[in-house]
Amino acid sequence: MQIPSFPECSHSLVNSLNHYSDQEMLTLFQRNPDVGKYFTAIFCRYSPIVYSLIRHSVRSPVQADYLFAVTWRHIYYELGGLDLHETSAIEGKPLTLQSWLINITAVCINRMELPPVEAIHYTLSEASPPLWCYVEQALDRLIPIHRLMVLMAQTFHWSETRIAAYLQAEGEMVTPTEVKRRLDEAYQELETALPEDINEIYLGKICQASPEEDSYSDLLSFDTLQPVSE
């Protein structure tokens, strides 16, 4: 079994955090929600373990990659409220970040109902899980009509004319030209909503600049990942 490599793990912003302990990294992540490098560093530190567990439990590589992404999204949202000391006290035994991640991965493996291979459009090469998490978070910050336009343009590859026709049918009086203008605004808002260090690590942009539409075509070209049932 080959463990996938992730270019972000070699980035200087991520490597600069290697000296932090797991607890320090968790604390930095929780205290700095608008900084992406801490979660990315946790991902780089433990993605081999998580992927190995999933790949040994799922026969299809496509489904394994999909579950890997779902698992890390679940981890991302759970980490915000994780208190290892409190959890250890409740369970009556010491709990490390590594053991917690293994437990969460096991939960995802056991509870996630995987879609058939032909229904999966996600691949790791298109969007690493940390980037996917932060893009999803940035999308949630857009106003609803901008989010809808971006998804129609990037996920379904609709033209401005088709988007305008759909919105007109829903009662929004917009022209294709207006759709183009609003899409440009939405792409700018999307990039601004991403943490600056995520822009630098994944998109190679240290400062905010006018984004190209194609910047997000790979990130939004797959179906929405399914949540893990509790």
Protein backbone atom coordinates (compact mmCIF):
# COMPACT_ATOMS: atom_id res chain seq x y z
CA MET A 1 0.00 0.00 0.00
CA GLN A 2 1.35 3.40 -0.98
CA ILE A 3 0.70 6.35 1.33
CA PRO A 4 -0.13 9.46 -0.73
CA SER A 5 2.24 12.38 -0.44
CA PHE A 6 0.98 15.90 0.12
CA PRO A 7 3.08 18.85 -1.14
CA GLU A 8 1.87 21.09 1.69
CA CYS A 9 3.83 18.95 4.15
CA SER A 10 7.05 20.35 2.66
CA HIS A 11 5.93 23.97 2.78
CA SER A 12 8.02 26.26 4.98
CA LEU A 13 4.98 27.49 6.93
CA VAL A 14 4.14 23.92 7.90
CA ASN A 15 7.71 22.80 8.54
CA SER A 16 8.22 25.74 10.87
CA LEU A 17 5.73 24.11 13.27
CA ASN A 18 7.43 20.73 13.53
CA HIS A 19 8.93 21.52 16.94
CA TYR A 20 5.51 21.99 18.57
CA SER A 21 4.01 19.15 20.58
CA ASP A 22 0.58 17.78 19.70
CA GLN A 23 -0.99 19.62 22.64
CA GLU A 24 0.67 22.89 21.66
CA MET A 25 -0.50 22.47 18.07
CA LEU A 26 -4.05 21.74 19.21
CA THR A 27 -4.05 24.81 21.44
CA LEU A 28 -2.74 27.04 18.64
CA PHE A 29 -5.41 25.69 16.28
CA GLN A 30 -8.18 26.38 18.78
CA ARG A 31 -6.95 29.87 19.66
CA ASN A 32 -6.40 30.96 16.07
CA PRO A 33 -9.46 29.92 14.03
CA ASP A 34 -8.54 32.23 11.14
CA VAL A 35 -5.10 30.64 10.72
CA GLY A 36 -4.94 27.48 8.61
CA LYS A 37 -1.38 26.27 9.09
CA TYR A 38 -1.99 24.61 12.46
CA PHE A 39 -4.67 22.24 11.20
CA THR A 40 -2.59 21.65 8.07
CA ALA A 41 0.39 20.71 10.24
CA ILE A 42 -1.73 18.30 12.29
CA PHE A 43 -2.96 16.78 9.02
CA CYS A 44 0.60 16.37 7.74
CA ARG A 45 1.72 14.80 11.02
CA TYR A 46 -1.04 12.20 11.16
CA SER A 47 -2.34 11.69 7.62
CA PRO A 48 -0.16 8.55 7.11
CA ILE A 49 -1.73 6.84 10.16
CA VAL A 50 -5.28 7.85 9.22
CA TYR A 51 -4.83 6.82 5.60
CA SER A 52 -3.30 3.46 6.56
CA LEU A 53 -6.23 2.62 8.83
CA ILE A 54 -8.76 3.56 6.17
CA ARG A 55 -6.99 1.87 3.28
CA HIS A 56 -6.77 -1.42 5.20
CA SER A 57 -10.51 -1.23 5.90
CA VAL A 58 -11.80 -0.15 2.48
CA ARG A 59 -11.15 -2.25 -0.60
CA SER A 60 -11.64 0.41 -3.26
CA PRO A 61 -8.91 3.11 -3.53
CA VAL A 62 -11.53 5.60 -4.76
CA GLN A 63 -13.75 4.97 -1.75
CA ALA A 64 -10.72 5.06 0.55
CA ASP A 65 -9.74 8.52 -0.70
CA TYR A 66 -13.32 9.70 -0.30
CA LEU A 67 -13.53 8.36 3.27
CA PHE A 68 -10.12 9.85 4.04
CA ALA A 69 -11.45 13.30 3.07
CA VAL A 70 -14.68 12.83 5.02
CA THR A 71 -12.72 11.71 8.07
CA TRP A 72 -10.46 14.75 8.04
CA ARG A 73 -13.42 17.07 7.63
CA HIS A 74 -14.99 15.40 10.67
CA ILE A 75 -11.69 15.78 12.54
CA TYR A 76 -11.52 19.46 11.59
CA TYR A 77 -14.88 20.27 13.15
CA GLU A 78 -14.33 18.08 16.24
CA LEU A 79 -10.88 19.50 17.02
CA GLY A 80 -12.30 22.92 17.82
CA GLY A 81 -13.90 21.66 21.02
CA LEU A 82 -11.50 18.88 21.93
CA ASP A 83 -10.07 18.88 25.47
CA LEU A 84 -7.76 15.91 25.81
CA HIS A 85 -7.49 16.31 29.58
CA GLU A 86 -11.26 16.42 30.08
CA THR A 87 -11.81 13.46 27.75
CA SER A 88 -9.12 11.48 29.58
CA ALA A 89 -10.83 12.19 32.92
CA ILE A 90 -14.18 11.00 31.56
CA GLU A 91 -12.76 7.82 30.05
CA GLY A 92 -10.50 7.15 33.02
CA LYS A 93 -7.32 6.75 30.99
CA PRO A 94 -4.78 9.08 29.38
CA LEU A 95 -5.71 10.19 25.88
CA THR A 96 -3.26 11.58 23.36
CA LEU A 97 -4.08 13.38 20.13
CA GLN A 98 -2.85 10.34 18.23
CA SER A 99 -5.12 7.92 20.10
CA TRP A 100 -8.05 10.33 19.71
CA LEU A 101 -7.45 10.54 15.95
CA ILE A 102 -7.33 6.75 15.74
CA ASN A 103 -10.64 6.54 17.61
CA ILE A 104 -12.28 9.13 15.35
CA THR A 105 -11.01 7.33 12.26
CA ALA A 106 -12.49 4.07 13.54
CA VAL A 107 -15.83 5.80 14.09
CA CYS A 108 -15.81 7.12 10.53
CA ILE A 109 -14.87 3.73 9.10
CA ASN A 110 -17.67 2.00 10.99
CA ARG A 111 -20.44 4.58 10.55
CA MET A 112 -19.89 6.10 7.11
CA GLU A 113 -22.02 4.58 4.37
CA LEU A 114 -19.82 4.93 1.32
CA PRO A 115 -21.38 5.79 -2.05
CA PRO A 116 -20.63 3.49 -5.01
CA VAL A 117 -17.37 4.15 -6.82
CA GLU A 118 -19.11 5.51 -9.92
CA ALA A 119 -20.88 8.16 -7.83
CA ILE A 120 -17.66 9.54 -6.31
CA HIS A 121 -16.07 12.53 -8.04
CA TYR A 122 -13.59 13.45 -5.33
CA THR A 123 -9.87 12.78 -5.75
CA LEU A 124 -7.03 13.71 -3.44
CA SER A 125 -5.07 15.22 -6.31
CA GLU A 126 -7.80 17.82 -6.86
CA ALA A 127 -8.14 19.01 -3.29
CA SER A 128 -6.19 17.99 -0.22
CA PRO A 129 -8.51 17.63 2.80
CA PRO A 130 -7.28 20.75 4.68
CA LEU A 131 -7.79 22.92 1.60
CA TRP A 132 -11.21 21.38 1.04
CA CYS A 133 -12.19 22.17 4.65
CA TYR A 134 -11.17 25.81 4.37
CA VAL A 135 -12.78 26.29 0.95
CA GLU A 136 -16.02 24.84 2.33
CA GLN A 137 -15.78 27.21 5.29
CA ALA A 138 -15.14 30.15 2.95
CA LEU A 139 -18.14 29.18 0.81
CA ASP A 140 -20.33 29.25 3.91
CA ARG A 141 -19.36 32.89 4.42
CA LEU A 142 -20.59 34.01 1.02
CA ILE A 143 -24.06 35.50 0.68
CA PRO A 144 -26.49 32.79 -0.50
CA ILE A 145 -26.86 33.98 -4.10
CA HIS A 146 -23.09 34.24 -4.56
CA ARG A 147 -22.58 30.77 -3.11
CA LEU A 148 -25.26 29.40 -5.44
CA MET A 149 -23.71 31.10 -8.48
CA VAL A 150 -20.24 29.75 -7.67
CA LEU A 151 -21.53 26.21 -7.22
CA MET A 152 -23.53 26.33 -10.46
CA ALA A 153 -20.55 27.72 -12.37
CA GLN A 154 -17.87 25.46 -10.90
CA THR A 155 -19.63 22.26 -9.81
CA PHE A 156 -22.11 22.03 -12.69
CA HIS A 157 -20.14 24.12 -15.22
CA TRP A 158 -23.16 26.20 -16.17
CA SER A 159 -22.72 29.24 -18.40
CA GLU A 160 -23.71 32.73 -17.27
CA THR A 161 -26.72 32.51 -19.60
CA ARG A 162 -27.95 29.27 -18.04
CA ILE A 163 -27.37 30.56 -14.51
CA ALA A 164 -29.31 33.73 -15.32
CA ALA A 165 -32.18 31.69 -16.78
CA TYR A 166 -32.34 29.52 -13.66
CA LEU A 167 -32.29 32.50 -11.32
CA GLN A 168 -34.93 34.31 -13.40
CA ALA A 169 -37.16 31.26 -13.06
CA GLU A 170 -36.67 31.56 -9.29
CA GLY A 171 -37.68 35.22 -9.31
CA GLU A 172 -34.23 36.86 -9.48
CA MET A 173 -34.17 39.37 -12.33
CA VAL A 174 -30.53 39.09 -13.42
CA THR A 175 -28.94 39.14 -16.86
CA PRO A 176 -25.97 37.02 -18.00
CA THR A 177 -23.82 40.16 -17.77
CA GLU A 178 -24.96 40.68 -14.19
CA VAL A 179 -24.20 37.03 -13.41
CA LYS A 180 -20.66 37.48 -14.74
CA ARG A 181 -20.17 40.56 -12.56
CA ARG A 182 -21.59 38.84 -9.47
CA LEU A 183 -19.42 35.77 -10.09
CA ASP A 184 -16.31 37.96 -10.22
CA GLU A 185 -17.35 39.46 -6.88
CA ALA A 186 -18.01 36.01 -5.43
CA TYR A 187 -14.58 34.66 -6.46
CA GLN A 188 -12.93 37.67 -4.83
CA GLU A 189 -14.99 37.18 -1.68
CA LEU A 190 -14.14 33.49 -1.65
CA GLU A 191 -10.42 34.12 -1.82
CA THR A 192 -10.65 36.85 0.82
CA ALA A 193 -12.53 34.47 3.11
CA LEU A 194 -9.72 31.91 2.94
CA PRO A 195 -7.01 32.27 5.60
CA GLU A 196 -4.01 34.08 4.16
CA ASP A 197 -1.67 31.22 5.00
CA ILE A 198 -3.96 28.73 3.22
CA ASN A 199 -3.75 30.95 0.14
CA GLU A 200 0.03 30.87 0.44
CA ILE A 201 0.37 27.15 1.16
CA TYR A 202 -2.07 25.86 -1.45
CA LEU A 203 -2.60 28.59 -4.01
CA GLY A 204 0.83 30.20 -3.91
CA LYS A 205 -0.56 33.63 -3.04
CA ILE A 206 1.00 35.55 -0.19
CA CYS A 207 -1.28 38.56 -0.60
CA GLN A 208 -4.83 38.88 -1.75
CA ALA A 209 -5.04 39.33 -5.51
CA SER A 210 -7.74 39.16 -8.14
CA PRO A 211 -8.47 35.42 -8.47
CA GLU A 212 -9.01 33.60 -11.70
CA GLU A 213 -12.21 31.62 -12.03
CA ASP A 214 -10.24 28.44 -12.71
CA SER A 215 -8.59 28.70 -9.27
CA TYR A 216 -11.57 26.88 -7.78
CA SER A 217 -12.71 24.66 -10.62
CA ASP A 218 -10.91 21.59 -9.24
CA LEU A 219 -11.92 22.31 -5.66
CA LEU A 220 -15.62 22.53 -6.44
CA SER A 221 -15.90 19.99 -9.22
CA PHE A 222 -16.89 17.06 -7.01
CA ASP A 223 -20.04 16.25 -5.11
CA THR A 224 -20.47 17.50 -1.56
CA LEU A 225 -18.88 15.09 0.89
CA GLN A 226 -21.35 13.32 3.10
CA PRO A 227 -21.23 13.92 6.87
CA VAL A 228 -20.54 11.18 9.37
CA SER A 229 -23.64 10.10 11.26
CA GLU A 230 -23.36 10.45 15.01
